[in-house]
């Protein structure tokens, strides 16, 4: 066989293999019936009609919202039209130090 015939046979073989694989995947999907999937078993509540047990509630936890003891409002509200340097107050300047004095000798 020549190289061209071998190449054509390999291409045809790959296409046939791809068609067989596609058919193997599509046939079960197309054959599927119209009945819905089975529902999960609802009889796991021991027959008393109560349903599954609820998780235990934590004892000692406050009811309502989360406690936020250290919550404080922000220093600056950023939804303003002003720029940030205009909103933040400038820090106070440190006082100037007095020059160090040298002792005077009485002589």
PDB file of N, CA and C in Angstrom:
ATOM      1  N   UNK A   1       0.838  -1.184   0.000  1.00  0.00           N
ATOM      2  CA  UNK A   1       0.000   0.000   0.000  1.00  0.00           C
ATOM      3  C   UNK A   1       0.876   1.238   0.000  1.00  0.00           C
ATOM      4  N   UNK A   2       0.344   2.228  -0.646  1.00  0.00           N
ATOM      5  CA  UNK A   2       1.103   3.470  -0.678  1.00  0.00           C
ATOM      6  C   UNK A   2       0.744   4.311   0.540  1.00  0.00           C
ATOM      7  N   UNK A   3       1.501   5.352   0.757  1.00  0.00           N
ATOM      8  CA  UNK A   3       1.298   6.224   1.911  1.00  0.00           C
ATOM      9  C   UNK A   3      -0.029   6.959   1.867  1.00  0.00           C
ATOM     10  N   UNK A   4      -0.484   7.314   0.659  1.00  0.00           N
ATOM     11  CA  UNK A   4      -1.765   8.036   0.546  1.00  0.00           C
ATOM     12  C   UNK A   4      -2.937   7.143   0.928  1.00  0.00           C
ATOM     13  N   UNK A   5      -2.876   5.879   0.533  1.00  0.00           N
ATOM     14  CA  UNK A   5      -3.967   4.953   0.858  1.00  0.00           C
ATOM     15  C   UNK A   5      -3.992   4.693   2.357  1.00  0.00           C
ATOM     16  N   UNK A   6      -2.838   4.523   2.968  1.00  0.00           N
ATOM     17  CA  UNK A   6      -2.782   4.305   4.419  1.00  0.00           C
ATOM     18  C   UNK A   6      -3.337   5.518   5.174  1.00  0.00           C
ATOM     19  N   UNK A   7      -3.006   6.723   4.726  1.00  0.00           N
ATOM     20  CA  UNK A   7      -3.506   7.936   5.376  1.00  0.00           C
ATOM     21  C   UNK A   7      -5.018   8.022   5.258  1.00  0.00           C
ATOM     22  N   UNK A   8      -5.572   7.708   4.071  1.00  0.00           N
ATOM     23  CA  UNK A   8      -7.022   7.756   3.887  1.00  0.00           C
ATOM     24  C   UNK A   8      -7.716   6.704   4.760  1.00  0.00           C
ATOM     25  N   UNK A   9      -7.141   5.495   4.851  1.00  0.00           N
ATOM     26  CA  UNK A   9      -7.740   4.461   5.701  1.00  0.00           C
ATOM     27  C   UNK A   9      -7.715   4.866   7.175  1.00  0.00           C
ATOM     28  N   UNK A  10      -6.636   5.512   7.606  1.00  0.00           N
ATOM     29  CA  UNK A  10      -6.553   5.949   8.995  1.00  0.00           C
ATOM     30  C   UNK A  10      -7.584   7.056   9.280  1.00  0.00           C
ATOM     31  N   UNK A  11      -7.777   7.972   8.353  1.00  0.00           N
ATOM     32  CA  UNK A  11      -8.764   9.048   8.540  1.00  0.00           C
ATOM     33  C   UNK A  11     -10.170   8.473   8.576  1.00  0.00           C
ATOM     34  N   UNK A  12     -10.478   7.550   7.666  1.00  0.00           N
ATOM     35  CA  UNK A  12     -11.806   6.929   7.645  1.00  0.00           C
ATOM     36  C   UNK A  12     -12.031   6.129   8.931  1.00  0.00           C
ATOM     37  N   UNK A  13     -11.027   5.408   9.381  1.00  0.00           N
ATOM     38  CA  UNK A  13     -11.156   4.627  10.610  1.00  0.00           C
ATOM     39  C   UNK A  13     -11.412   5.507  11.832  1.00  0.00           C
ATOM     40  N   UNK A  14     -10.731   6.638  11.902  1.00  0.00           N
ATOM     41  CA  UNK A  14     -10.950   7.548  13.040  1.00  0.00           C
ATOM     42  C   UNK A  14     -12.358   8.131  13.003  1.00  0.00           C
ATOM     43  N   UNK A  15     -12.854   8.452  11.796  1.00  0.00           N
ATOM     44  CA  UNK A  15     -14.209   8.984  11.699  1.00  0.00           C
ATOM     45  C   UNK A  15     -15.244   7.925  12.080  1.00  0.00           C
ATOM     46  N   UNK A  16     -15.029   6.681  11.647  1.00  0.00           N
ATOM     47  CA  UNK A  16     -15.958   5.621  12.025  1.00  0.00           C
ATOM     48  C   UNK A  16     -15.940   5.376  13.534  1.00  0.00           C
ATOM     49  N   UNK A  17     -14.769   5.404  14.135  1.00  0.00           N
ATOM     50  CA  UNK A  17     -14.675   5.232  15.590  1.00  0.00           C
ATOM     51  C   UNK A  17     -15.416   6.360  16.317  1.00  0.00           C
ATOM     52  N   UNK A  18     -15.277   7.593  15.817  1.00  0.00           N
ATOM     53  CA  UNK A  18     -15.988   8.719  16.429  1.00  0.00           C
ATOM     54  C   UNK A  18     -17.488   8.588  16.296  1.00  0.00           C
ATOM     55  N   UNK A  19     -17.968   8.118  15.146  1.00  0.00           N
ATOM     56  CA  UNK A  19     -19.412   7.929  14.958  1.00  0.00           C
ATOM     57  C   UNK A  19     -19.956   6.828  15.857  1.00  0.00           C
ATOM     58  N   UNK A  20     -19.192   5.762  16.039  1.00  0.00           N
ATOM     59  CA  UNK A  20     -19.630   4.675  16.927  1.00  0.00           C
ATOM     60  C   UNK A  20     -19.707   5.171  18.372  1.00  0.00           C
ATOM     61  N   UNK A  21     -18.740   5.938  18.795  1.00  0.00           N
ATOM     62  CA  UNK A  21     -18.759   6.475  20.169  1.00  0.00           C
ATOM     63  C   UNK A  21     -19.917   7.456  20.359  1.00  0.00           C
ATOM     64  N   UNK A  22     -20.174   8.298  19.389  1.00  0.00           N
ATOM     65  CA  UNK A  22     -21.291   9.241  19.492  1.00  0.00           C
ATOM     66  C   UNK A  22     -22.615   8.499  19.545  1.00  0.00           C
ATOM     67  N   UNK A  23     -22.762   7.447  18.752  1.00  0.00           N
ATOM     68  CA  UNK A  23     -23.994   6.660  18.776  1.00  0.00           C
ATOM     69  C   UNK A  23     -24.157   5.961  20.117  1.00  0.00           C
ATOM     70  N   UNK A  24     -23.046   5.458  20.669  1.00  0.00           N
ATOM     71  CA  UNK A  24     -23.128   4.782  21.969  1.00  0.00           C
ATOM     72  C   UNK A  24     -23.562   5.739  23.068  1.00  0.00           C
ATOM     73  N   UNK A  25     -23.236   7.018  22.945  1.00  0.00           N
ATOM     74  CA  UNK A  25     -23.644   7.988  23.953  1.00  0.00           C
ATOM     75  C   UNK A  25     -25.057   8.516  23.712  1.00  0.00           C
ATOM     76  N   UNK A  26     -25.468   8.625  22.465  1.00  0.00           N
ATOM     77  CA  UNK A  26     -26.770   9.212  22.154  1.00  0.00           C
ATOM     78  C   UNK A  26     -27.919   8.217  22.268  1.00  0.00           C
ATOM     79  N   UNK A  27     -27.696   6.960  21.978  1.00  0.00           N
ATOM     80  CA  UNK A  27     -28.791   5.989  22.007  1.00  0.00           C
ATOM     81  C   UNK A  27     -29.454   5.878  23.377  1.00  0.00           C
ATOM     82  N   UNK A  28     -28.728   5.751  24.488  1.00  0.00           N
ATOM     83  CA  UNK A  28     -29.419   5.689  25.788  1.00  0.00           C
ATOM     84  C   UNK A  28     -30.177   6.982  26.105  1.00  0.00           C
ATOM     85  N   UNK A  29     -29.666   8.112  25.669  1.00  0.00           N
ATOM     86  CA  UNK A  29     -30.359   9.366  25.949  1.00  0.00           C
ATOM     87  C   UNK A  29     -31.645   9.478  25.142  1.00  0.00           C
ATOM     88  N   UNK A  30     -31.631   8.980  23.924  1.00  0.00           N
ATOM     89  CA  UNK A  30     -32.828   9.054  23.087  1.00  0.00           C
ATOM     90  C   UNK A  30     -33.846   7.986  23.437  1.00  0.00           C
ATOM     91  N   UNK A  31     -33.425   6.857  24.012  1.00  0.00           N
ATOM     92  CA  UNK A  31     -34.332   5.778  24.362  1.00  0.00           C
ATOM     93  C   UNK A  31     -35.035   6.026  25.684  1.00  0.00           C
ATOM     94  N   UNK A  32     -34.594   6.987  26.451  1.00  0.00           N
ATOM     95  CA  UNK A  32     -35.127   7.212  27.790  1.00  0.00           C
ATOM     96  C   UNK A  32     -36.638   7.388  27.782  1.00  0.00           C
ATOM     97  N   UNK A  33     -37.320   6.811  28.788  1.00  0.00           N
ATOM     98  CA  UNK A  33     -38.767   6.898  28.888  1.00  0.00           C
ATOM     99  C   UNK A  33     -39.212   8.264  29.399  1.00  0.00           C
ATOM    100  N   UNK A  34     -40.532   8.443  29.431  1.00  0.00           N
ATOM    101  CA  UNK A  34     -41.081   9.723  29.870  1.00  0.00           C
ATOM    102  C   UNK A  34     -41.443   9.720  31.351  1.00  0.00           C
ATOM    103  N   UNK A  35     -41.198   8.625  32.039  1.00  0.00           N
ATOM    104  CA  UNK A  35     -41.537   8.588  33.455  1.00  0.00           C
ATOM    105  C   UNK A  35     -40.470   9.327  34.271  1.00  0.00           C
ATOM    106  N   UNK A  36     -40.878  10.054  35.321  1.00  0.00           N
ATOM    107  CA  UNK A  36     -39.913  10.819  36.126  1.00  0.00           C
ATOM    108  C   UNK A  36     -39.037   9.881  36.945  1.00  0.00           C
ATOM    109  N   UNK A  37     -37.907  10.377  37.393  1.00  0.00           N
ATOM    110  CA  UNK A  37     -37.031   9.544  38.226  1.00  0.00           C
ATOM    111  C   UNK A  37     -37.702   9.236  39.555  1.00  0.00           C
ATOM    112  N   UNK A  38     -37.332   8.138  40.207  1.00  0.00           N
ATOM    113  CA  UNK A  38     -37.973   7.774  41.474  1.00  0.00           C
ATOM    114  C   UNK A  38     -37.676   8.806  42.555  1.00  0.00           C
ATOM    115  N   UNK A  39     -38.675   9.040  43.403  1.00  0.00           N
ATOM    116  CA  UNK A  39     -38.524   9.995  44.492  1.00  0.00           C
ATOM    117  C   UNK A  39     -37.730   9.365  45.629  1.00  0.00           C
ATOM    118  N   UNK A  40     -37.027  10.180  46.404  1.00  0.00           N
ATOM    119  CA  UNK A  40     -36.281   9.607  47.537  1.00  0.00           C
ATOM    120  C   UNK A  40     -37.234   9.056  48.586  1.00  0.00           C
ATOM    121  N   UNK A  41     -36.751   8.136  49.368  1.00  0.00           N
ATOM    122  CA  UNK A  41     -37.552   7.494  50.389  1.00  0.00           C
ATOM    123  C   UNK A  41     -37.875   8.482  51.501  1.00  0.00           C
ATOM    124  N   UNK A  42     -39.171   8.684  51.742  1.00  0.00           N
ATOM    125  CA  UNK A  42     -39.601   9.606  52.805  1.00  0.00           C
ATOM    126  C   UNK A  42     -39.873   8.871  54.113  1.00  0.00           C
ATOM    127  N   UNK A  43     -39.653   7.580  54.161  1.00  0.00           N
ATOM    128  CA  UNK A  43     -39.983   6.814  55.353  1.00  0.00           C
ATOM    129  C   UNK A  43     -38.847   6.725  56.356  1.00  0.00           C
ATOM    130  N   UNK A  44     -37.954   7.678  56.399  1.00  0.00           N
ATOM    131  CA  UNK A  44     -36.824   7.591  57.314  1.00  0.00           C
ATOM    132  C   UNK A  44     -37.079   8.317  58.628  1.00  0.00           C
ATOM    133  N   UNK A  45     -38.360   8.555  58.967  1.00  0.00           N
ATOM    134  CA  UNK A  45     -38.658   9.262  60.218  1.00  0.00           C
ATOM    135  C   UNK A  45     -39.149   8.317  61.304  1.00  0.00           C
ATOM    136  N   UNK A  46     -38.819   7.065  61.240  1.00  0.00           N
ATOM    137  CA  UNK A  46     -39.150   6.034  62.216  1.00  0.00           C
ATOM    138  C   UNK A  46     -40.645   5.759  62.304  1.00  0.00           C
ATOM    139  N   UNK A  47     -41.445   6.214  61.341  1.00  0.00           N
ATOM    140  CA  UNK A  47     -42.852   5.870  61.301  1.00  0.00           C
ATOM    141  C   UNK A  47     -43.753   6.693  62.194  1.00  0.00           C
ATOM    142  N   UNK A  48     -43.268   7.647  62.920  1.00  0.00           N
ATOM    143  CA  UNK A  48     -44.099   8.423  63.823  1.00  0.00           C
ATOM    144  C   UNK A  48     -44.607   9.704  63.190  1.00  0.00           C
ATOM    145  N   UNK A  49     -44.217  10.028  61.971  1.00  0.00           N
ATOM    146  CA  UNK A  49     -44.734  11.206  61.292  1.00  0.00           C
ATOM    147  C   UNK A  49     -44.092  12.503  61.735  1.00  0.00           C
ATOM    148  N   UNK A  50     -42.952  12.441  62.351  1.00  0.00           N
ATOM    149  CA  UNK A  50     -42.304  13.650  62.858  1.00  0.00           C
ATOM    150  C   UNK A  50     -41.228  14.186  61.942  1.00  0.00           C
ATOM    151  N   UNK A  51     -40.738  13.562  61.006  1.00  0.00           N
ATOM    152  CA  UNK A  51     -39.665  14.098  60.170  1.00  0.00           C
ATOM    153  C   UNK A  51     -38.317  13.995  60.862  1.00  0.00           C
ATOM    154  N   UNK A  52     -37.273  14.450  60.201  1.00  0.00           N
ATOM    155  CA  UNK A  52     -35.933  14.330  60.782  1.00  0.00           C
ATOM    156  C   UNK A  52     -35.771  15.257  61.985  1.00  0.00           C
ATOM    157  N   UNK A  53     -34.921  14.867  62.935  1.00  0.00           N
ATOM    158  CA  UNK A  53     -34.735  15.714  64.129  1.00  0.00           C
ATOM    159  C   UNK A  53     -34.024  17.018  63.765  1.00  0.00           C
ATOM    160  N   UNK A  54     -34.420  18.081  64.433  1.00  0.00           N
ATOM    161  CA  UNK A  54     -33.789  19.380  64.197  1.00  0.00           C
ATOM    162  C   UNK A  54     -32.471  19.455  64.965  1.00  0.00           C
ATOM    163  N   UNK A  55     -31.528  20.245  64.459  1.00  0.00           N
ATOM    164  CA  UNK A  55     -30.238  20.350  65.165  1.00  0.00           C
ATOM    165  C   UNK A  55     -30.431  21.048  66.507  1.00  0.00           C
ATOM    166  N   UNK A  56     -29.641  20.679  67.492  1.00  0.00           N
ATOM    167  CA  UNK A  56     -29.798  21.297  68.815  1.00  0.00           C
ATOM    168  C   UNK A  56     -29.419  22.777  68.768  1.00  0.00           C
ATOM    169  N   UNK A  57     -30.175  23.582  69.493  1.00  0.00           N
ATOM    170  CA  UNK A  57     -29.874  25.013  69.542  1.00  0.00           C
ATOM    171  C   UNK A  57     -28.755  25.262  70.552  1.00  0.00           C
ATOM    172  N   UNK A  58     -27.858  26.167  70.253  1.00  0.00           N
ATOM    173  CA  UNK A  58     -26.763  26.438  71.197  1.00  0.00           C
ATOM    174  C   UNK A  58     -27.298  27.120  72.450  1.00  0.00           C
ATOM    175  N   UNK A  59     -26.850  26.643  73.586  1.00  0.00           N
ATOM    176  CA  UNK A  59     -27.319  27.228  74.841  1.00  0.00           C
ATOM    177  C   UNK A  59     -26.454  28.430  75.206  1.00  0.00           C
ATOM    178  N   UNK A  60     -27.052  29.428  75.765  1.00  0.00           N
ATOM    179  CA  UNK A  60     -26.324  30.609  76.198  1.00  0.00           C
ATOM    180  C   UNK A  60     -26.090  31.620  75.088  1.00  0.00           C
ATOM    181  N   UNK A  61     -26.551  31.350  73.890  1.00  0.00           N
ATOM    182  CA  UNK A  61     -26.363  32.293  72.795  1.00  0.00           C
ATOM    183  C   UNK A  61     -27.477  33.333  72.836  1.00  0.00           C
ATOM    184  N   UNK A  62     -27.178  34.592  72.633  1.00  0.00           N
ATOM    185  CA  UNK A  62     -28.223  35.605  72.656  1.00  0.00           C
ATOM    186  C   UNK A  62     -29.137  35.457  71.452  1.00  0.00           C
ATOM    187  N   UNK A  63     -30.388  35.753  71.651  1.00  0.00           N
ATOM    188  CA  UNK A  63     -31.355  35.676  70.562  1.00  0.00           C
ATOM    189  C   UNK A  63     -31.298  36.961  69.745  1.00  0.00           C
ATOM    190  N   UNK A  64     -31.604  36.852  68.485  1.00  0.00           N
ATOM    191  CA  UNK A  64     -31.644  38.049  67.636  1.00  0.00           C
ATOM    192  C   UNK A  64     -30.378  38.206  66.829  1.00  0.00           C
ATOM    193  N   UNK A  65     -29.978  39.451  66.632  1.00  0.00           N
ATOM    194  CA  UNK A  65     -28.820  39.755  65.792  1.00  0.00           C
ATOM    195  C   UNK A  65     -27.514  39.378  66.471  1.00  0.00           C
ATOM    196  N   UNK A  66     -26.461  39.427  65.699  1.00  0.00           N
ATOM    197  CA  UNK A  66     -25.140  39.138  66.240  1.00  0.00           C
ATOM    198  C   UNK A  66     -24.700  40.242  67.194  1.00  0.00           C
ATOM    199  N   UNK A  67     -24.107  39.890  68.304  1.00  0.00           N
ATOM    200  CA  UNK A  67     -23.624  40.939  69.201  1.00  0.00           C
ATOM    201  C   UNK A  67     -22.358  41.586  68.627  1.00  0.00           C
ATOM    202  N   UNK A  68     -22.348  42.886  68.572  1.00  0.00           N
ATOM    203  CA  UNK A  68     -21.185  43.623  68.083  1.00  0.00           C
ATOM    204  C   UNK A  68     -20.762  44.641  69.144  1.00  0.00           C
ATOM    205  N   UNK A  69     -20.050  44.193  70.183  1.00  0.00           N
ATOM    206  CA  UNK A  69     -19.719  45.113  71.268  1.00  0.00           C
ATOM    207  C   UNK A  69     -18.690  46.159  70.871  1.00  0.00           C
ATOM    208  N   UNK A  70     -17.845  45.872  69.902  1.00  0.00           N
ATOM    209  CA  UNK A  70     -16.791  46.821  69.577  1.00  0.00           C
ATOM    210  C   UNK A  70     -17.057  47.567  68.276  1.00  0.00           C
ATOM    211  N   UNK A  71     -18.297  47.569  67.806  1.00  0.00           N
ATOM    212  CA  UNK A  71     -18.604  48.252  66.554  1.00  0.00           C
ATOM    213  C   UNK A  71     -18.644  49.759  66.796  1.00  0.00           C
ATOM    214  N   UNK A  72     -17.975  50.479  65.946  1.00  0.00           N
ATOM    215  CA  UNK A  72     -17.953  51.934  66.028  1.00  0.00           C
ATOM    216  C   UNK A  72     -18.089  52.490  64.617  1.00  0.00           C
ATOM    217  N   UNK A  73     -18.713  53.629  64.457  1.00  0.00           N
ATOM    218  CA  UNK A  73     -18.827  54.190  63.108  1.00  0.00           C
ATOM    219  C   UNK A  73     -17.468  54.630  62.578  1.00  0.00           C
ATOM    220  N   UNK A  74     -17.373  54.698  61.281  1.00  0.00           N
ATOM    221  CA  UNK A  74     -16.125  55.107  60.649  1.00  0.00           C
ATOM    222  C   UNK A  74     -15.871  56.589  60.888  1.00  0.00           C
ATOM    223  N   UNK A  75     -14.601  56.984  60.838  1.00  0.00           N
ATOM    224  CA  UNK A  75     -14.266  58.396  61.019  1.00  0.00           C
ATOM    225  C   UNK A  75     -14.738  59.227  59.839  1.00  0.00           C
ATOM    226  N   UNK A  76     -14.740  58.633  58.651  1.00  0.00           N
ATOM    227  CA  UNK A  76     -15.030  59.373  57.435  1.00  0.00           C
ATOM    228  C   UNK A  76     -16.096  58.637  56.647  1.00  0.00           C
ATOM    229  N   UNK A  77     -17.062  59.358  56.122  1.00  0.00           N
ATOM    230  CA  UNK A  77     -18.054  58.774  55.231  1.00  0.00           C
ATOM    231  C   UNK A  77     -17.576  58.993  53.801  1.00  0.00           C
ATOM    232  N   UNK A  78     -17.315  57.921  53.092  1.00  0.00           N
ATOM    233  CA  UNK A  78     -16.707  58.016  51.777  1.00  0.00           C
ATOM    234  C   UNK A  78     -17.716  58.250  50.657  1.00  0.00           C
ATOM    235  N   UNK A  79     -18.986  58.304  50.951  1.00  0.00           N
ATOM    236  CA  UNK A  79     -19.983  58.527  49.911  1.00  0.00           C
ATOM    237  C   UNK A  79     -20.277  60.006  49.716  1.00  0.00           C
ATOM    238  N   UNK A  80     -19.381  60.814  50.069  1.00  0.00           N
ATOM    239  CA  UNK A  80     -19.536  62.257  49.944  1.00  0.00           C
ATOM    240  C   UNK A  80     -18.868  62.715  48.658  1.00  0.00           C
ATOM    241  N   UNK A  81     -19.208  63.918  48.185  1.00  0.00           N
ATOM    242  CA  UNK A  81     -18.595  64.428  46.960  1.00  0.00           C
ATOM    243  C   UNK A  81     -17.213  65.014  47.208  1.00  0.00           C
ATOM    244  N   UNK A  82     -16.871  65.178  48.469  1.00  0.00           N
ATOM    245  CA  UNK A  82     -15.564  65.757  48.779  1.00  0.00           C
ATOM    246  C   UNK A  82     -14.483  64.693  48.700  1.00  0.00           C
ATOM    247  N   UNK A  83     -13.248  65.140  48.590  1.00  0.00           N
ATOM    248  CA  UNK A  83     -12.119  64.223  48.507  1.00  0.00           C
ATOM    249  C   UNK A  83     -11.688  63.807  49.908  1.00  0.00           C
ATOM    250  N   UNK A  84     -10.977  62.712  49.983  1.00  0.00           N
ATOM    251  CA  UNK A  84     -10.572  62.155  51.270  1.00  0.00           C
ATOM    252  C   UNK A  84      -9.705  63.109  52.087  1.00  0.00           C
ATOM    253  N   UNK A  85      -8.717  63.809  51.510  1.00  0.00           N
ATOM    254  CA  UNK A  85      -7.930  64.738  52.338  1.00  0.00           C
ATOM    255  C   UNK A  85      -8.766  65.864  52.931  1.00  0.00           C
ATOM    256  N   UNK A  86      -9.864  66.202  52.277  1.00  0.00           N
ATOM    257  CA  UNK A  86     -10.733  67.247  52.833  1.00  0.00           C
ATOM    258  C   UNK A  86     -11.540  66.720  54.018  1.00  0.00           C
ATOM    259  N   UNK A  87     -11.787  65.431  54.067  1.00  0.00           N
ATOM    260  CA  UNK A  87     -12.623  64.859  55.116  1.00  0.00           C
ATOM    261  C   UNK A  87     -11.845  64.507  56.377  1.00  0.00           C
ATOM    262  N   UNK A  88     -10.596  64.122  56.218  1.00  0.00           N
ATOM    263  CA  UNK A  88      -9.792  63.712  57.369  1.00  0.00           C
ATOM    264  C   UNK A  88      -9.158  64.954  57.986  1.00  0.00           C
ATOM    265  N   UNK A  89      -9.377  65.171  59.280  1.00  0.00           N
ATOM    266  CA  UNK A  89      -8.754  66.347  59.893  1.00  0.00           C
ATOM    267  C   UNK A  89      -7.239  66.178  59.970  1.00  0.00           C
ATOM    268  N   UNK A  90      -6.548  67.281  59.834  1.00  0.00           N
ATOM    269  CA  UNK A  90      -5.087  67.227  59.912  1.00  0.00           C
ATOM    270  C   UNK A  90      -4.660  66.966  61.344  1.00  0.00           C
ATOM    271  N   UNK A  91      -3.623  66.183  61.516  1.00  0.00           N
ATOM    272  CA  UNK A  91      -3.155  65.932  62.886  1.00  0.00           C
ATOM    273  C   UNK A  91      -2.521  67.202  63.464  1.00  0.00           C
ATOM    274  N   UNK A  92      -2.622  67.320  64.774  1.00  0.00           N
ATOM    275  CA  UNK A  92      -2.034  68.499  65.414  1.00  0.00           C
ATOM    276  C   UNK A  92      -0.516  68.414  65.323  1.00  0.00           C
ATOM    277  N   UNK A  93       0.085  69.556  65.174  1.00  0.00           N
ATOM    278  CA  UNK A  93       1.549  69.592  65.086  1.00  0.00           C
ATOM    279  C   UNK A  93       2.135  69.422  66.470  1.00  0.00           C
ATOM    280  N   UNK A  94       3.264  68.778  66.516  1.00  0.00           N
ATOM    281  CA  UNK A  94       3.940  68.618  67.796  1.00  0.00           C
ATOM    282  C   UNK A  94       4.561  69.948  68.184  1.00  0.00           C
ATOM    283  N   UNK A  95       4.569  70.249  69.455  1.00  0.00           N
ATOM    284  CA  UNK A  95       5.200  71.506  69.859  1.00  0.00           C
ATOM    285  C   UNK A  95       6.711  71.442  69.611  1.00  0.00           C
ATOM    286  N   UNK A  96       7.276  72.586  69.276  1.00  0.00           N
ATOM    287  CA  UNK A  96       8.718  72.644  69.030  1.00  0.00           C
ATOM    288  C   UNK A  96       9.454  72.451  70.351  1.00  0.00           C
ATOM    289  N   UNK A  97      10.551  71.769  70.318  1.00  0.00           N
ATOM    290  CA  UNK A  97      11.347  71.554  71.527  1.00  0.00           C
ATOM    291  C   UNK A  97      12.195  72.796  71.785  1.00  0.00           C
ATOM    292  N   UNK A  98      12.329  73.063  73.034  1.00  0.00           N
ATOM    293  CA  UNK A  98      13.208  74.177  73.389  1.00  0.00           C
ATOM    294  C   UNK A  98      14.648  73.740  73.178  1.00  0.00           C
ATOM    295  N   UNK A  99      15.499  74.667  72.788  1.00  0.00           N
ATOM    296  CA  UNK A  99      16.898  74.272  72.601  1.00  0.00           C
ATOM    297  C   UNK A  99      17.515  73.878  73.946  1.00  0.00           C
ATOM    298  N   UNK A 100      18.392  72.914  73.884  1.00  0.00           N
ATOM    299  CA  UNK A 100      19.032  72.471  75.130  1.00  0.00           C
ATOM    300  C   UNK A 100      19.984  73.575  75.619  1.00  0.00           C
ATOM    301  N   UNK A 101      19.940  73.843  76.917  1.00  0.00           N
ATOM    302  CA  UNK A 101      20.765  74.908  77.478  1.00  0.00           C
ATOM    303  C   UNK A 101      22.034  74.292  78.057  1.00  0.00           C
ATOM    304  N   UNK A 102      23.080  74.975  77.851  1.00  0.00           N
ATOM    305  CA  UNK A 102      24.336  74.526  78.440  1.00  0.00           C
ATOM    306  C   UNK A 102      24.514  75.239  79.789  1.00  0.00           C
ATOM    307  N   UNK A 103      25.022  74.544  80.767  1.00  0.00           N
ATOM    308  CA  UNK A 103      25.197  75.207  82.085  1.00  0.00           C
ATOM    309  C   UNK A 103      26.238  76.330  82.012  1.00  0.00           C
ATOM    310  N   UNK A 104      25.940  77.371  82.748  1.00  0.00           N
ATOM    311  CA  UNK A 104      26.855  78.524  82.802  1.00  0.00           C
ATOM    312  C   UNK A 104      27.725  78.355  84.049  1.00  0.00           C
ATOM    313  N   UNK A 105      29.063  78.503  83.900  1.00  0.00           N
ATOM    314  CA  UNK A 105      29.993  78.332  85.033  1.00  0.00           C
ATOM    315  C   UNK A 105      30.316  79.713  85.611  1.00  0.00           C
ATOM    316  N   UNK A 106      30.270  79.745  86.853  1.00  0.00           N
ATOM    317  CA  UNK A 106      30.666  80.996  87.536  1.00  0.00           C
ATOM    318  C   UNK A 106      32.148  80.893  87.852  1.00  0.00           C
ATOM    319  N   UNK A 107      32.813  81.771  87.380  1.00  0.00           N
ATOM    320  CA  UNK A 107      34.183  81.630  87.507  1.00  0.00           C
ATOM    321  C   UNK A 107      35.086  82.421  88.182  1.00  0.00           C
TER     322      UNK A 107
END
